[in-house]
């Protein structure tokens, strides 16, 4: 995976869009002090290159009835890794799915309505072809919920 060379204007544009993806091209143009056509071109390029994956809004899971969050730690059959990951990605409750090193092959960060829903989700994950073992760790409190990627590192 090759990262795109982002210049200062790209970075400032992305920072603004992460704060509010509803900014109009005209508003972005004024804020960045560049022509609106430049903003349109840059946004189209960033979308086509996959830098901007989608325009969306982060929701507070608690406020939309997803009161239980956690991580399902999974051991997978290496021969079924891709198949199992595709099945886990398809779960509506899956927010993030990471392949990892160490004892577990995959970490699935999930949200659920309640403990019964989470228990059902764990059972469904264990039933996925290729899943050899699953452990769950329930989150007791959100300490940071920030989907933004820092561009100042």
C-alpha atoms as a PDB file:
ATOM      1  CA  UNK A   1       0.000   0.000   0.000  1.00  0.00           C
ATOM      2  CA  UNK A   2       1.593   3.251  -1.151  1.00  0.00           C
ATOM      3  CA  UNK A   3       0.644   6.460   0.607  1.00  0.00           C
ATOM      4  CA  UNK A   4      -0.117   9.508  -1.488  1.00  0.00           C
ATOM      5  CA  UNK A   5       2.195  12.475  -1.105  1.00  0.00           C
ATOM      6  CA  UNK A   6       0.041  15.066   0.614  1.00  0.00           C
ATOM      7  CA  UNK A   7       1.074  18.700   0.475  1.00  0.00           C
ATOM      8  CA  UNK A   8       0.156  21.377   3.037  1.00  0.00           C
ATOM      9  CA  UNK A   9      -3.067  22.278   1.193  1.00  0.00           C
ATOM     10  CA  UNK A  10      -4.189  18.631   1.111  1.00  0.00           C
ATOM     11  CA  UNK A  11      -3.505  18.292   4.833  1.00  0.00           C
ATOM     12  CA  UNK A  12      -5.375  21.497   5.731  1.00  0.00           C
ATOM     13  CA  UNK A  13      -8.292  20.426   3.503  1.00  0.00           C
ATOM     14  CA  UNK A  14      -8.450  16.978   5.126  1.00  0.00           C
ATOM     15  CA  UNK A  15      -8.316  18.489   8.612  1.00  0.00           C
ATOM     16  CA  UNK A  16     -11.279  20.729   7.806  1.00  0.00           C
ATOM     17  CA  UNK A  17     -13.280  17.887   6.286  1.00  0.00           C
ATOM     18  CA  UNK A  18     -12.620  15.668   9.309  1.00  0.00           C
ATOM     19  CA  UNK A  19     -14.088  18.376  11.532  1.00  0.00           C
ATOM     20  CA  UNK A  20     -17.119  18.897   9.274  1.00  0.00           C
ATOM     21  CA  UNK A  21     -17.581  16.907   6.074  1.00  0.00           C
ATOM     22  CA  UNK A  22     -20.605  19.086   5.245  1.00  0.00           C
ATOM     23  CA  UNK A  23     -18.498  22.159   4.506  1.00  0.00           C
ATOM     24  CA  UNK A  24     -19.375  23.370   1.027  1.00  0.00           C
ATOM     25  CA  UNK A  25     -16.659  23.808  -1.565  1.00  0.00           C
ATOM     26  CA  UNK A  26     -17.233  27.571  -1.287  1.00  0.00           C
ATOM     27  CA  UNK A  27     -16.723  27.495   2.504  1.00  0.00           C
ATOM     28  CA  UNK A  28     -13.585  25.381   2.147  1.00  0.00           C
ATOM     29  CA  UNK A  29     -12.320  27.719  -0.559  1.00  0.00           C
ATOM     30  CA  UNK A  30     -12.721  30.753   1.714  1.00  0.00           C
ATOM     31  CA  UNK A  31     -11.170  29.007   4.715  1.00  0.00           C
ATOM     32  CA  UNK A  32      -8.167  27.794   2.691  1.00  0.00           C
ATOM     33  CA  UNK A  33      -7.872  30.988   0.636  1.00  0.00           C
ATOM     34  CA  UNK A  34      -7.781  29.135  -2.688  1.00  0.00           C
ATOM     35  CA  UNK A  35     -10.093  28.980  -5.690  1.00  0.00           C
ATOM     36  CA  UNK A  36     -13.201  26.834  -5.363  1.00  0.00           C
ATOM     37  CA  UNK A  37     -12.116  24.899  -8.479  1.00  0.00           C
ATOM     38  CA  UNK A  38      -8.894  23.981  -6.674  1.00  0.00           C
ATOM     39  CA  UNK A  39     -10.884  22.624  -3.721  1.00  0.00           C
ATOM     40  CA  UNK A  40     -13.153  20.606  -6.038  1.00  0.00           C
ATOM     41  CA  UNK A  41     -10.143  19.153  -7.868  1.00  0.00           C
ATOM     42  CA  UNK A  42      -8.346  18.275  -4.630  1.00  0.00           C
ATOM     43  CA  UNK A  43     -11.395  16.610  -3.061  1.00  0.00           C
ATOM     44  CA  UNK A  44     -12.074  14.570  -6.223  1.00  0.00           C
ATOM     45  CA  UNK A  45      -8.427  13.471  -6.330  1.00  0.00           C
ATOM     46  CA  UNK A  46      -8.385  12.545  -2.629  1.00  0.00           C
ATOM     47  CA  UNK A  47     -11.562  10.491  -3.109  1.00  0.00           C
ATOM     48  CA  UNK A  48     -10.320   8.764  -6.273  1.00  0.00           C
ATOM     49  CA  UNK A  49      -6.976   7.938  -4.602  1.00  0.00           C
ATOM     50  CA  UNK A  50      -8.820   6.458  -1.613  1.00  0.00           C
ATOM     51  CA  UNK A  51      -7.421   8.958   0.896  1.00  0.00           C
ATOM     52  CA  UNK A  52     -11.014   9.981   1.644  1.00  0.00           C
ATOM     53  CA  UNK A  53     -12.747   6.642   2.127  1.00  0.00           C
ATOM     54  CA  UNK A  54     -16.223   8.130   2.584  1.00  0.00           C
ATOM     55  CA  UNK A  55     -18.101  11.134   3.875  1.00  0.00           C
ATOM     56  CA  UNK A  56     -19.856  10.164   7.082  1.00  0.00           C
ATOM     57  CA  UNK A  57     -20.802  11.243  10.585  1.00  0.00           C
ATOM     58  CA  UNK A  58     -19.610   9.578  13.791  1.00  0.00           C
ATOM     59  CA  UNK A  59     -22.453   8.637  16.131  1.00  0.00           C
ATOM     60  CA  UNK A  60     -22.321   8.194  19.888  1.00  0.00           C
ATOM     61  CA  UNK A  61     -23.190   4.484  20.275  1.00  0.00           C
ATOM     62  CA  UNK A  62     -24.819   5.053  23.679  1.00  0.00           C
ATOM     63  CA  UNK A  63     -27.194   7.660  22.316  1.00  0.00           C
ATOM     64  CA  UNK A  64     -28.424   5.374  19.535  1.00  0.00           C
ATOM     65  CA  UNK A  65     -29.121   2.416  21.808  1.00  0.00           C
ATOM     66  CA  UNK A  66     -25.810   0.565  21.526  1.00  0.00           C
ATOM     67  CA  UNK A  67     -24.991   0.569  25.225  1.00  0.00           C
ATOM     68  CA  UNK A  68     -22.505  -2.316  25.263  1.00  0.00           C
ATOM     69  CA  UNK A  69     -19.184  -2.237  23.440  1.00  0.00           C
ATOM     70  CA  UNK A  70     -16.323  -4.640  23.464  1.00  0.00           C
ATOM     71  CA  UNK A  71     -13.627  -6.512  21.660  1.00  0.00           C
ATOM     72  CA  UNK A  72     -13.945 -10.063  20.441  1.00  0.00           C
ATOM     73  CA  UNK A  73     -10.499 -11.655  20.261  1.00  0.00           C
ATOM     74  CA  UNK A  74     -10.432 -14.447  17.692  1.00  0.00           C
ATOM     75  CA  UNK A  75      -8.120 -17.297  16.789  1.00  0.00           C
ATOM     76  CA  UNK A  76      -8.589 -18.320  13.167  1.00  0.00           C
ATOM     77  CA  UNK A  77      -7.639 -21.230  10.947  1.00  0.00           C
ATOM     78  CA  UNK A  78      -4.966 -19.696   8.665  1.00  0.00           C
ATOM     79  CA  UNK A  79      -6.419 -21.560   5.675  1.00  0.00           C
ATOM     80  CA  UNK A  80      -9.788 -19.846   6.299  1.00  0.00           C
ATOM     81  CA  UNK A  81      -8.528 -16.392   7.327  1.00  0.00           C
ATOM     82  CA  UNK A  82      -9.929 -14.428   4.373  1.00  0.00           C
ATOM     83  CA  UNK A  83     -13.257 -16.269   4.426  1.00  0.00           C
ATOM     84  CA  UNK A  84     -13.677 -15.771   8.179  1.00  0.00           C
ATOM     85  CA  UNK A  85     -12.726 -12.080   8.018  1.00  0.00           C
ATOM     86  CA  UNK A  86     -15.262 -11.427   5.255  1.00  0.00           C
ATOM     87  CA  UNK A  87     -17.973 -13.035   7.390  1.00  0.00           C
ATOM     88  CA  UNK A  88     -16.985 -10.998  10.468  1.00  0.00           C
ATOM     89  CA  UNK A  89     -16.847  -7.756   8.482  1.00  0.00           C
ATOM     90  CA  UNK A  90     -20.420  -8.413   7.361  1.00  0.00           C
ATOM     91  CA  UNK A  91     -21.726  -8.324  10.951  1.00  0.00           C
ATOM     92  CA  UNK A  92     -23.644  -5.050  11.340  1.00  0.00           C
ATOM     93  CA  UNK A  93     -22.295  -4.749  14.890  1.00  0.00           C
ATOM     94  CA  UNK A  94     -18.650  -4.752  13.759  1.00  0.00           C
ATOM     95  CA  UNK A  95     -17.159  -1.262  13.946  1.00  0.00           C
ATOM     96  CA  UNK A  96     -13.532  -2.223  13.380  1.00  0.00           C
ATOM     97  CA  UNK A  97     -11.821  -5.464  12.457  1.00  0.00           C
ATOM     98  CA  UNK A  98      -8.057  -5.708  12.889  1.00  0.00           C
ATOM     99  CA  UNK A  99      -5.702  -8.497  11.940  1.00  0.00           C
ATOM    100  CA  UNK A 100      -3.158  -8.673  14.720  1.00  0.00           C
ATOM    101  CA  UNK A 101      -0.026 -10.380  15.963  1.00  0.00           C
ATOM    102  CA  UNK A 102       0.243 -12.332  19.175  1.00  0.00           C
ATOM    103  CA  UNK A 103      -2.130 -14.861  20.694  1.00  0.00           C
ATOM    104  CA  UNK A 104      -5.163 -13.760  18.682  1.00  0.00           C
ATOM    105  CA  UNK A 105      -5.294 -13.382  14.909  1.00  0.00           C
ATOM    106  CA  UNK A 106      -8.143 -10.884  14.685  1.00  0.00           C
ATOM    107  CA  UNK A 107      -9.702  -8.295  16.990  1.00  0.00           C
ATOM    108  CA  UNK A 108     -13.291  -7.287  16.286  1.00  0.00           C
ATOM    109  CA  UNK A 109     -14.498  -4.106  17.994  1.00  0.00           C
ATOM    110  CA  UNK A 110     -18.266  -4.310  18.276  1.00  0.00           C
ATOM    111  CA  UNK A 111     -21.314  -2.491  19.626  1.00  0.00           C
ATOM    112  CA  UNK A 112     -24.475  -4.135  20.910  1.00  0.00           C
ATOM    113  CA  UNK A 113     -27.809  -3.138  22.422  1.00  0.00           C
ATOM    114  CA  UNK A 114     -27.241  -5.052  25.659  1.00  0.00           C
ATOM    115  CA  UNK A 115     -25.374  -8.026  27.129  1.00  0.00           C
ATOM    116  CA  UNK A 116     -27.820 -10.506  25.596  1.00  0.00           C
ATOM    117  CA  UNK A 117     -27.177  -9.034  22.155  1.00  0.00           C
ATOM    118  CA  UNK A 118     -23.406  -9.154  22.767  1.00  0.00           C
ATOM    119  CA  UNK A 119     -23.654 -12.782  23.883  1.00  0.00           C
ATOM    120  CA  UNK A 120     -25.564 -13.616  20.686  1.00  0.00           C
ATOM    121  CA  UNK A 121     -22.910 -11.802  18.658  1.00  0.00           C
ATOM    122  CA  UNK A 122     -20.109 -13.826  20.280  1.00  0.00           C
ATOM    123  CA  UNK A 123     -21.996 -17.059  19.517  1.00  0.00           C
ATOM    124  CA  UNK A 124     -22.409 -15.963  15.879  1.00  0.00           C
ATOM    125  CA  UNK A 125     -18.693 -15.121  15.673  1.00  0.00           C
ATOM    126  CA  UNK A 126     -17.752 -18.543  17.082  1.00  0.00           C
ATOM    127  CA  UNK A 127     -19.992 -20.182  14.456  1.00  0.00           C
ATOM    128  CA  UNK A 128     -18.141 -18.526  11.551  1.00  0.00           C
ATOM    129  CA  UNK A 129     -16.275 -21.076   9.444  1.00  0.00           C
ATOM    130  CA  UNK A 130     -12.584 -20.754  10.264  1.00  0.00           C
ATOM    131  CA  UNK A 131     -12.998 -19.396  13.804  1.00  0.00           C
ATOM    132  CA  UNK A 132     -11.204 -21.727  16.228  1.00  0.00           C
ATOM    133  CA  UNK A 133     -11.652 -19.740  19.454  1.00  0.00           C
ATOM    134  CA  UNK A 134     -13.118 -16.454  20.643  1.00  0.00           C
ATOM    135  CA  UNK A 135     -12.800 -14.454  23.839  1.00  0.00           C
ATOM    136  CA  UNK A 136     -14.656 -11.275  24.657  1.00  0.00           C
ATOM    137  CA  UNK A 137     -13.572  -8.210  26.581  1.00  0.00           C
ATOM    138  CA  UNK A 138     -16.400  -5.834  27.455  1.00  0.00           C
ATOM    139  CA  UNK A 139     -15.689  -2.111  27.533  1.00  0.00           C
ATOM    140  CA  UNK A 140     -16.787  -0.524  30.798  1.00  0.00           C
ATOM    141  CA  UNK A 141     -16.400   3.089  29.692  1.00  0.00           C
ATOM    142  CA  UNK A 142     -15.542   5.079  26.573  1.00  0.00           C
ATOM    143  CA  UNK A 143     -12.439   7.061  27.430  1.00  0.00           C
ATOM    144  CA  UNK A 144     -11.829   8.318  23.919  1.00  0.00           C
ATOM    145  CA  UNK A 145     -14.078   8.061  20.906  1.00  0.00           C
ATOM    146  CA  UNK A 146     -12.348   9.845  18.053  1.00  0.00           C
ATOM    147  CA  UNK A 147     -12.395   8.486  14.496  1.00  0.00           C
ATOM    148  CA  UNK A 148     -10.114  11.274  13.214  1.00  0.00           C
ATOM    149  CA  UNK A 149      -6.625  10.577  11.902  1.00  0.00           C
ATOM    150  CA  UNK A 150      -4.010  13.064  13.063  1.00  0.00           C
ATOM    151  CA  UNK A 151      -2.128  14.533  10.125  1.00  0.00           C
ATOM    152  CA  UNK A 152       0.372  16.443  12.272  1.00  0.00           C
ATOM    153  CA  UNK A 153       2.555  13.513  13.325  1.00  0.00           C
END
